Amino acid sequence: MLTDDDLGDRDDRGDRGDRGDRGDRGDRGDRDNRGDRSDRSDHSNGGGYSDLGDQGFSPLRSHFRAHHGTRSLVFLGACVVALTGWGGQAVLFPSLNGEDPIPASGAAFMPLLLSIGIVISTIDSMADFSTAAARPRRVVLARHLAGAFALAAAASCLALLVSGDPETIPLALRNLLGFTGMAGVSAALLGFRLAWILPLAQTVPTFLLGTPGARGTDAQWWEWARANAGNGTSWVVAVALLGAGTALVMLRADRRT
């Protein structure tokens, strides 16, 4: 026969068993809940990483955004439209020395604006990151300048072809060379946001004070931007300016790194 003590022991063991079962179920439930939360977290994070992985990192896209490429392209487009409309047609500028008005074509003048846009487009909104990047800043800067110059030159040629003035293409390219060099010198000495100062300072005496003659045949060396496209001295000055401006910009980039 079972005594009251035996029955009490059974009840105690039963109670402990029930509590143990409930504890096991509770532990499993907690683990399941933690697992569910972990799965949701992994799914959320993993989905983001997966999207980035699918999209991929594009150095070109990053460079375009950091240098405000859209704004630069809009400016380039506006200059090209103006050059297409102006083309090789001569517009009379008032002469500050009291002589007859000075004629100037779009092929001679618009490269001034294009060159400023080329150099200012190198302003990097992520300069601190670019300075610490594995690839030297001067390499990225050189490629950017070369690409921007090539794009501006090609767009200028196309604009002059469309305007029906293909004979003015050499004039436009020479002035683009020289003004880009001057903008580079200005950027290296005064900062990239002030790249416009020296080209503009060159333009005022050249277009408003110079006396290069009706077709630019009498231009002096400092009037290279108004000289005839066949003037060899003007080409030497333009190429020298481009070389000096590029060298100074690269030197500035090295010093920043």
C-alpha atoms as a PDB file:
ATOM      1  CA  MET A   1       0.000   0.000   0.000  1.00  0.00           C
ATOM      2  CA  LEU A   2       1.094   3.544  -0.753  1.00  0.00           C
ATOM      3  CA  THR A   3       1.377   5.769   2.191  1.00  0.00           C
ATOM      4  CA  ASP A   4       0.615   9.404   2.288  1.00  0.00           C
ATOM      5  CA  ASP A   5       4.360  10.163   2.149  1.00  0.00           C
ATOM      6  CA  ASP A   6       4.748   8.147  -1.037  1.00  0.00           C
ATOM      7  CA  LEU A   7       1.884  10.000  -2.641  1.00  0.00           C
ATOM      8  CA  GLY A   8       3.397  13.299  -1.592  1.00  0.00           C
ATOM      9  CA  ASP A   9       6.745  12.336  -3.166  1.00  0.00           C
ATOM     10  CA  ARG A  10       5.006  11.453  -6.421  1.00  0.00           C
ATOM     11  CA  ASP A  11       3.196  14.769  -6.424  1.00  0.00           C
ATOM     12  CA  ASP A  12       6.463  16.619  -5.808  1.00  0.00           C
ATOM     13  CA  ARG A  13       8.185  14.767  -8.647  1.00  0.00           C
ATOM     14  CA  GLY A  14       5.226  15.461 -10.922  1.00  0.00           C
ATOM     15  CA  ASP A  15       5.300  19.130 -10.062  1.00  0.00           C
ATOM     16  CA  ARG A  16       9.009  19.302 -10.744  1.00  0.00           C
ATOM     17  CA  GLY A  17       8.524  17.480 -14.047  1.00  0.00           C
ATOM     18  CA  ASP A  18       5.788  19.849 -15.087  1.00  0.00           C
ATOM     19  CA  ARG A  19       7.929  22.823 -14.215  1.00  0.00           C
ATOM     20  CA  GLY A  20      10.844  21.313 -16.097  1.00  0.00           C
ATOM     21  CA  ASP A  21       8.706  20.707 -19.160  1.00  0.00           C
ATOM     22  CA  ARG A  22       7.378  24.224 -19.038  1.00  0.00           C
ATOM     23  CA  GLY A  23      10.931  25.552 -18.623  1.00  0.00           C
ATOM     24  CA  ASP A  24      12.125  23.539 -21.617  1.00  0.00           C
ATOM     25  CA  ARG A  25       9.251  24.784 -23.696  1.00  0.00           C
ATOM     26  CA  GLY A  26       9.961  28.343 -22.531  1.00  0.00           C
ATOM     27  CA  ASP A  27      13.637  28.038 -23.442  1.00  0.00           C
ATOM     28  CA  ARG A  28      12.769  26.652 -26.841  1.00  0.00           C
ATOM     29  CA  GLY A  29      10.274  29.478 -27.323  1.00  0.00           C
ATOM     30  CA  ASP A  30      12.876  32.081 -26.367  1.00  0.00           C
ATOM     31  CA  ARG A  31      15.369  30.563 -28.766  1.00  0.00           C
ATOM     32  CA  ASP A  32      12.753  30.478 -31.510  1.00  0.00           C
ATOM     33  CA  ASN A  33      11.894  34.127 -30.894  1.00  0.00           C
ATOM     34  CA  ARG A  34      15.537  35.137 -30.943  1.00  0.00           C
ATOM     35  CA  GLY A  35      15.979  33.131 -34.121  1.00  0.00           C
ATOM     36  CA  ASP A  36      13.016  34.855 -35.743  1.00  0.00           C
ATOM     37  CA  ARG A  37      14.378  38.276 -34.821  1.00  0.00           C
ATOM     38  CA  SER A  38      17.801  37.340 -36.066  1.00  0.00           C
ATOM     39  CA  ASP A  39      16.327  36.092 -39.325  1.00  0.00           C
ATOM     40  CA  ARG A  40      14.402  39.315 -39.792  1.00  0.00           C
ATOM     41  CA  SER A  41      17.483  41.366 -39.003  1.00  0.00           C
ATOM     42  CA  ASP A  42      19.618  39.320 -41.353  1.00  0.00           C
ATOM     43  CA  HIS A  43      16.998  39.636 -44.052  1.00  0.00           C
ATOM     44  CA  SER A  44      16.817  43.382 -43.594  1.00  0.00           C
ATOM     45  CA  ASN A  45      20.566  43.910 -43.581  1.00  0.00           C
ATOM     46  CA  GLY A  46      21.235  41.256 -46.140  1.00  0.00           C
ATOM     47  CA  GLY A  47      18.696  42.752 -48.477  1.00  0.00           C
ATOM     48  CA  GLY A  48      20.514  46.077 -48.313  1.00  0.00           C
ATOM     49  CA  TYR A  49      23.879  44.515 -48.910  1.00  0.00           C
ATOM     50  CA  SER A  50      22.420  42.413 -51.690  1.00  0.00           C
ATOM     51  CA  ASP A  51      21.057  45.487 -53.380  1.00  0.00           C
ATOM     52  CA  LEU A  52      24.425  47.191 -53.143  1.00  0.00           C
ATOM     53  CA  GLY A  53      26.101  44.088 -54.407  1.00  0.00           C
ATOM     54  CA  ASP A  54      23.711  43.802 -57.332  1.00  0.00           C
ATOM     55  CA  GLN A  55      24.056  47.475 -58.176  1.00  0.00           C
ATOM     56  CA  GLY A  56      27.823  47.516 -57.702  1.00  0.00           C
ATOM     57  CA  PHE A  57      30.141  50.407 -56.947  1.00  0.00           C
ATOM     58  CA  SER A  58      31.029  52.501 -59.955  1.00  0.00           C
ATOM     59  CA  PRO A  59      34.124  54.738 -59.579  1.00  0.00           C
ATOM     60  CA  LEU A  60      33.028  56.691 -62.641  1.00  0.00           C
ATOM     61  CA  ARG A  61      29.556  57.346 -61.199  1.00  0.00           C
ATOM     62  CA  SER A  62      31.049  58.352 -57.867  1.00  0.00           C
ATOM     63  CA  HIS A  63      33.515  60.700 -59.577  1.00  0.00           C
ATOM     64  CA  PHE A  64      30.731  62.227 -61.675  1.00  0.00           C
ATOM     65  CA  ARG A  65      28.620  62.983 -58.601  1.00  0.00           C
ATOM     66  CA  ALA A  66      31.530  64.269 -56.505  1.00  0.00           C
ATOM     67  CA  HIS A  67      32.471  66.728 -59.260  1.00  0.00           C
ATOM     68  CA  HIS A  68      28.891  67.887 -59.932  1.00  0.00           C
ATOM     69  CA  GLY A  69      28.987  66.453 -63.421  1.00  0.00           C
ATOM     70  CA  THR A  70      25.388  67.342 -64.228  1.00  0.00           C
ATOM     71  CA  ARG A  71      26.014  71.026 -63.586  1.00  0.00           C
ATOM     72  CA  SER A  72      29.155  70.949 -65.724  1.00  0.00           C
ATOM     73  CA  LEU A  73      27.325  69.276 -68.604  1.00  0.00           C
ATOM     74  CA  VAL A  74      24.532  71.847 -68.439  1.00  0.00           C
ATOM     75  CA  PHE A  75      27.089  74.650 -68.606  1.00  0.00           C
ATOM     76  CA  LEU A  76      28.846  72.944 -71.510  1.00  0.00           C
ATOM     77  CA  GLY A  77      25.540  72.545 -73.325  1.00  0.00           C
ATOM     78  CA  ALA A  78      24.703  76.229 -72.901  1.00  0.00           C
ATOM     79  CA  CYS A  79      28.102  77.233 -74.280  1.00  0.00           C
ATOM     80  CA  VAL A  80      27.727  74.897 -77.240  1.00  0.00           C
ATOM     81  CA  VAL A  81      24.292  76.308 -78.054  1.00  0.00           C
ATOM     82  CA  ALA A  82      25.694  79.837 -77.930  1.00  0.00           C
ATOM     83  CA  LEU A  83      28.663  78.847 -80.078  1.00  0.00           C
ATOM     84  CA  THR A  84      26.373  77.214 -82.616  1.00  0.00           C
ATOM     85  CA  GLY A  85      24.311  80.379 -82.932  1.00  0.00           C
ATOM     86  CA  TRP A  86      27.281  82.749 -82.896  1.00  0.00           C
ATOM     87  CA  GLY A  87      29.735  80.596 -84.812  1.00  0.00           C
ATOM     88  CA  GLY A  88      32.165  82.481 -87.002  1.00  0.00           C
ATOM     89  CA  GLN A  89      30.044  85.590 -87.273  1.00  0.00           C
ATOM     90  CA  ALA A  90      31.821  88.740 -86.158  1.00  0.00           C
ATOM     91  CA  VAL A  91      30.332  90.818 -83.374  1.00  0.00           C
ATOM     92  CA  LEU A  92      31.672  94.329 -82.857  1.00  0.00           C
ATOM     93  CA  PHE A  93      33.168  95.103 -79.452  1.00  0.00           C
ATOM     94  CA  PRO A  94      33.743  98.742 -78.465  1.00  0.00           C
ATOM     95  CA  SER A  95      37.392  99.764 -78.529  1.00  0.00           C
ATOM     96  CA  LEU A  96      38.563 101.387 -75.313  1.00  0.00           C
ATOM     97  CA  ASN A  97      41.416 103.176 -77.079  1.00  0.00           C
ATOM     98  CA  GLY A  98      39.046 105.221 -79.210  1.00  0.00           C
ATOM     99  CA  GLU A  99      39.575 103.376 -82.472  1.00  0.00           C
ATOM    100  CA  ASP A 100      37.031 101.585 -84.621  1.00  0.00           C
ATOM    101  CA  PRO A 101      34.956  98.806 -82.984  1.00  0.00           C
ATOM    102  CA  ILE A 102      36.783  95.501 -82.760  1.00  0.00           C
ATOM    103  CA  PRO A 103      35.193  92.474 -84.464  1.00  0.00           C
ATOM    104  CA  ALA A 104      35.227  89.161 -82.609  1.00  0.00           C
ATOM    105  CA  SER A 105      33.667  85.840 -83.521  1.00  0.00           C
ATOM    106  CA  GLY A 106      32.136  83.217 -81.298  1.00  0.00           C
ATOM    107  CA  ALA A 107      34.941  80.849 -82.285  1.00  0.00           C
ATOM    108  CA  ALA A 108      37.416  83.270 -80.712  1.00  0.00           C
ATOM    109  CA  PHE A 109      35.404  84.251 -77.632  1.00  0.00           C
ATOM    110  CA  MET A 110      33.401  81.215 -76.484  1.00  0.00           C
ATOM    111  CA  PRO A 111      36.486  79.079 -75.703  1.00  0.00           C
ATOM    112  CA  LEU A 112      37.046  81.491 -72.819  1.00  0.00           C
ATOM    113  CA  LEU A 113      33.882  80.266 -71.096  1.00  0.00           C
ATOM    114  CA  LEU A 114      34.493  76.643 -72.033  1.00  0.00           C
ATOM    115  CA  SER A 115      38.003  76.702 -70.581  1.00  0.00           C
ATOM    116  CA  ILE A 116      36.761  78.122 -67.288  1.00  0.00           C
ATOM    117  CA  GLY A 117      34.145  75.379 -67.140  1.00  0.00           C
ATOM    118  CA  ILE A 118      36.797  72.715 -67.781  1.00  0.00           C
ATOM    119  CA  VAL A 119      38.969  73.774 -64.850  1.00  0.00           C
ATOM    120  CA  ILE A 120      36.155  74.535 -62.415  1.00  0.00           C
ATOM    121  CA  SER A 121      34.680  71.097 -63.110  1.00  0.00           C
ATOM    122  CA  THR A 122      37.687  69.599 -61.278  1.00  0.00           C
ATOM    123  CA  ILE A 123      36.397  70.903 -57.924  1.00  0.00           C
ATOM    124  CA  ASP A 124      35.893  67.817 -55.775  1.00  0.00           C
ATOM    125  CA  SER A 125      33.156  67.850 -53.123  1.00  0.00           C
ATOM    126  CA  MET A 126      34.832  64.785 -51.551  1.00  0.00           C
ATOM    127  CA  ALA A 127      38.327  66.267 -51.494  1.00  0.00           C
ATOM    128  CA  ASP A 128      39.268  64.778 -48.114  1.00  0.00           C
ATOM    129  CA  PHE A 129      38.324  61.286 -49.248  1.00  0.00           C
ATOM    130  CA  SER A 130      40.064  61.737 -52.595  1.00  0.00           C
ATOM    131  CA  THR A 131      43.246  62.888 -50.885  1.00  0.00           C
ATOM    132  CA  ALA A 132      43.351  59.719 -48.800  1.00  0.00           C
ATOM    133  CA  ALA A 133      42.395  57.420 -51.685  1.00  0.00           C
ATOM    134  CA  ALA A 134      44.791  54.759 -52.924  1.00  0.00           C
ATOM    135  CA  ARG A 135      45.039  56.328 -56.379  1.00  0.00           C
ATOM    136  CA  PRO A 136      47.030  59.601 -56.344  1.00  0.00           C
ATOM    137  CA  ARG A 137      44.915  62.707 -56.772  1.00  0.00           C
ATOM    138  CA  ARG A 138      47.136  63.990 -59.594  1.00  0.00           C
ATOM    139  CA  VAL A 139      46.319  60.881 -61.658  1.00  0.00           C
ATOM    140  CA  VAL A 140      42.580  61.367 -61.244  1.00  0.00           C
ATOM    141  CA  LEU A 141      42.929  65.098 -61.893  1.00  0.00           C
ATOM    142  CA  ALA A 142      44.962  64.575 -65.057  1.00  0.00           C
ATOM    143  CA  ARG A 143      42.409  62.135 -66.442  1.00  0.00           C
ATOM    144  CA  HIS A 144      39.553  64.453 -65.554  1.00  0.00           C
ATOM    145  CA  LEU A 145      41.192  67.435 -67.262  1.00  0.00           C
ATOM    146  CA  ALA A 146      42.030  65.404 -70.352  1.00  0.00           C
ATOM    147  CA  GLY A 147      38.485  64.040 -70.602  1.00  0.00           C
ATOM    148  CA  ALA A 148      36.840  67.427 -69.996  1.00  0.00           C
ATOM    149  CA  PHE A 149      39.101  69.134 -72.523  1.00  0.00           C
ATOM    150  CA  ALA A 150      38.469  66.455 -75.139  1.00  0.00           C
ATOM    151  CA  LEU A 151      34.704  66.747 -74.604  1.00  0.00           C
ATOM    152  CA  ALA A 152      34.778  70.544 -74.878  1.00  0.00           C
ATOM    153  CA  ALA A 153      36.950  70.403 -77.992  1.00  0.00           C
ATOM    154  CA  ALA A 154      34.709  67.844 -79.686  1.00  0.00           C
ATOM    155  CA  ALA A 155      31.581  69.812 -78.774  1.00  0.00           C
ATOM    156  CA  SER A 156      33.122  73.013 -80.151  1.00  0.00           C
ATOM    157  CA  CYS A 157      34.020  71.349 -83.441  1.00  0.00           C
ATOM    158  CA  LEU A 158      30.515  69.952 -83.750  1.00  0.00           C
ATOM    159  CA  ALA A 159      28.942  73.327 -82.969  1.00  0.00           C
ATOM    160  CA  LEU A 160      31.013  75.096 -85.616  1.00  0.00           C
ATOM    161  CA  LEU A 161      30.248  72.407 -88.170  1.00  0.00           C
ATOM    162  CA  VAL A 162      26.538  72.782 -87.507  1.00  0.00           C
ATOM    163  CA  SER A 163      26.786  76.575 -87.705  1.00  0.00           C
ATOM    164  CA  GLY A 164      28.383  76.293 -91.150  1.00  0.00           C
ATOM    165  CA  ASP A 165      31.745  77.778 -90.114  1.00  0.00           C
ATOM    166  CA  PRO A 166      34.175  74.832 -90.163  1.00  0.00           C
ATOM    167  CA  GLU A 167      37.048  77.129 -91.188  1.00  0.00           C
ATOM    168  CA  THR A 168      36.989  78.673 -87.691  1.00  0.00           C
ATOM    169  CA  ILE A 169      37.627  75.358 -85.922  1.00  0.00           C
ATOM    170  CA  PRO A 170      41.436  75.872 -85.695  1.00  0.00           C
ATOM    171  CA  LEU A 171      40.848  79.295 -84.125  1.00  0.00           C
ATOM    172  CA  ALA A 172      38.489  77.837 -81.536  1.00  0.00           C
ATOM    173  CA  LEU A 173      40.845  74.971 -80.662  1.00  0.00           C
ATOM    174  CA  ARG A 174      43.840  77.282 -80.269  1.00  0.00           C
ATOM    175  CA  ASN A 175      41.942  79.612 -77.977  1.00  0.00           C
ATOM    176  CA  LEU A 176      40.618  76.644 -76.012  1.00  0.00           C
ATOM    177  CA  LEU A 177      44.206  75.503 -75.483  1.00  0.00           C
ATOM    178  CA  GLY A 178      45.410  78.906 -74.338  1.00  0.00           C
ATOM    179  CA  PHE A 179      42.471  79.861 -72.145  1.00  0.00           C
ATOM    180  CA  THR A 180      42.436  76.433 -70.482  1.00  0.00           C
ATOM    181  CA  GLY A 181      46.104  76.929 -69.643  1.00  0.00           C
ATOM    182  CA  MET A 182      45.425  80.367 -68.189  1.00  0.00           C
ATOM    183  CA  ALA A 183      42.520  79.012 -66.167  1.00  0.00           C
ATOM    184  CA  GLY A 184      44.850  76.314 -64.825  1.00  0.00           C
ATOM    185  CA  VAL A 185      47.432  78.907 -63.781  1.00  0.00           C
ATOM    186  CA  SER A 186      44.714  80.924 -62.070  1.00  0.00           C
ATOM    187  CA  ALA A 187      43.380  77.831 -60.295  1.00  0.00           C
ATOM    188  CA  ALA A 188      46.830  76.810 -59.084  1.00  0.00           C
ATOM    189  CA  LEU A 189      47.669  80.265 -57.754  1.00  0.00           C
ATOM    190  CA  LEU A 190      44.294  81.525 -56.522  1.00  0.00           C
ATOM    191  CA  GLY A 191      42.157  78.407 -56.077  1.00  0.00           C
ATOM    192  CA  PHE A 192      39.948  76.460 -58.440  1.00  0.00           C
ATOM    193  CA  ARG A 193      36.887  78.581 -57.731  1.00  0.00           C
ATOM    194  CA  LEU A 194      38.835  81.603 -59.010  1.00  0.00           C
ATOM    195  CA  ALA A 195      39.987  79.929 -62.211  1.00  0.00           C
ATOM    196  CA  TRP A 196      38.146  82.586 -64.221  1.00  0.00           C
ATOM    197  CA  ILE A 197      40.242  85.561 -63.090  1.00  0.00           C
ATOM    198  CA  LEU A 198      43.327  85.290 -65.318  1.00  0.00           C
ATOM    199  CA  PRO A 199      41.445  84.282 -68.499  1.00  0.00           C
ATOM    200  CA  LEU A 200      39.095  87.209 -68.027  1.00  0.00           C
ATOM    201  CA  ALA A 201      42.010  89.534 -67.284  1.00  0.00           C
ATOM    202  CA  GLN A 202      43.552  88.411 -70.584  1.00  0.00           C
ATOM    203  CA  THR A 203      40.324  88.893 -72.496  1.00  0.00           C
ATOM    204  CA  VAL A 204      39.749  92.547 -71.565  1.00  0.00           C
ATOM    205  CA  PRO A 205      42.943  93.973 -73.091  1.00  0.00           C
ATOM    206  CA  THR A 206      42.907  91.497 -75.970  1.00  0.00           C
ATOM    207  CA  PHE A 207      39.342  92.136 -77.134  1.00  0.00           C
ATOM    208  CA  LEU A 208      38.912  95.753 -76.047  1.00  0.00           C
ATOM    209  CA  LEU A 209      42.370  97.318 -76.342  1.00  0.00           C
ATOM    210  CA  GLY A 210      44.269  95.302 -78.926  1.00  0.00           C
ATOM    211  CA  THR A 211      44.715  96.261 -82.546  1.00  0.00           C
ATOM    212  CA  PRO A 212      45.195  92.954 -84.326  1.00  0.00           C
ATOM    213  CA  GLY A 213      43.779  94.162 -87.621  1.00  0.00           C
ATOM    214  CA  ALA A 214      40.600  93.139 -89.398  1.00  0.00           C
ATOM    215  CA  ARG A 215      41.605  89.480 -89.756  1.00  0.00           C
ATOM    216  CA  GLY A 216      44.064  89.241 -86.879  1.00  0.00           C
ATOM    217  CA  THR A 217      47.087  89.471 -89.141  1.00  0.00           C
ATOM    218  CA  ASP A 218      48.683  92.316 -87.172  1.00  0.00           C
ATOM    219  CA  ALA A 219      48.275  90.777 -83.719  1.00  0.00           C
ATOM    220  CA  GLN A 220      51.144  90.977 -81.261  1.00  0.00           C
ATOM    221  CA  TRP A 221      52.151  88.007 -79.120  1.00  0.00           C
ATOM    222  CA  TRP A 222      49.993  89.096 -76.151  1.00  0.00           C
ATOM    223  CA  GLU A 223      47.004  89.311 -78.520  1.00  0.00           C
ATOM    224  CA  TRP A 224      47.297  85.620 -79.365  1.00  0.00           C
ATOM    225  CA  ALA A 225      43.562  85.028 -78.785  1.00  0.00           C
ATOM    226  CA  ARG A 226      42.696  87.542 -81.532  1.00  0.00           C
ATOM    227  CA  ALA A 227      45.415  86.519 -83.955  1.00  0.00           C
ATOM    228  CA  ASN A 228      44.713  84.768 -87.224  1.00  0.00           C
ATOM    229  CA  ALA A 229      44.608  80.974 -86.917  1.00  0.00           C
ATOM    230  CA  GLY A 230      47.643  80.779 -89.188  1.00  0.00           C
ATOM    231  CA  ASN A 231      49.774  82.862 -86.824  1.00  0.00           C
ATOM    232  CA  GLY A 232      52.481  80.505 -85.557  1.00  0.00           C
ATOM    233  CA  THR A 233      53.396  82.666 -82.566  1.00  0.00           C
ATOM    234  CA  SER A 234      49.839  82.513 -81.255  1.00  0.00           C
ATOM    235  CA  TRP A 235      49.962  78.703 -81.295  1.00  0.00           C
ATOM    236  CA  VAL A 236      53.271  78.674 -79.432  1.00  0.00           C
ATOM    237  CA  VAL A 237      51.834  80.969 -76.753  1.00  0.00           C
ATOM    238  CA  ALA A 238      48.636  78.883 -76.444  1.00  0.00           C
ATOM    239  CA  VAL A 239      50.506  75.581 -76.103  1.00  0.00           C
ATOM    240  CA  ALA A 240      52.962  77.111 -73.626  1.00  0.00           C
ATOM    241  CA  LEU A 241      50.073  78.395 -71.515  1.00  0.00           C
ATOM    242  CA  LEU A 242      48.431  74.982 -71.521  1.00  0.00           C
ATOM    243  CA  GLY A 243      51.679  73.310 -70.471  1.00  0.00           C
ATOM    244  CA  ALA A 244      52.292  75.818 -67.682  1.00  0.00           C
ATOM    245  CA  GLY A 245      48.731  75.617 -66.400  1.00  0.00           C
ATOM    246  CA  THR A 246      48.697  71.818 -66.408  1.00  0.00           C
ATOM    247  CA  ALA A 247      52.045  71.613 -64.628  1.00  0.00           C
ATOM    248  CA  LEU A 248      50.984  74.047 -61.910  1.00  0.00           C
ATOM    249  CA  VAL A 249      47.684  72.262 -61.347  1.00  0.00           C
ATOM    250  CA  MET A 250      49.490  68.929 -60.985  1.00  0.00           C
ATOM    251  CA  LEU A 251      51.984  70.501 -58.592  1.00  0.00           C
ATOM    252  CA  ARG A 252      49.146  71.855 -56.475  1.00  0.00           C
ATOM    253  CA  ALA A 253      47.553  68.419 -56.402  1.00  0.00           C
ATOM    254  CA  ASP A 254      50.832  66.855 -55.214  1.00  0.00           C
ATOM    255  CA  ARG A 255      51.180  69.393 -52.434  1.00  0.00           C
ATOM    256  CA  ARG A 256      47.642  68.690 -51.221  1.00  0.00           C
ATOM    257  CA  THR A 257      48.455  64.982 -50.982  1.00  0.00           C
END
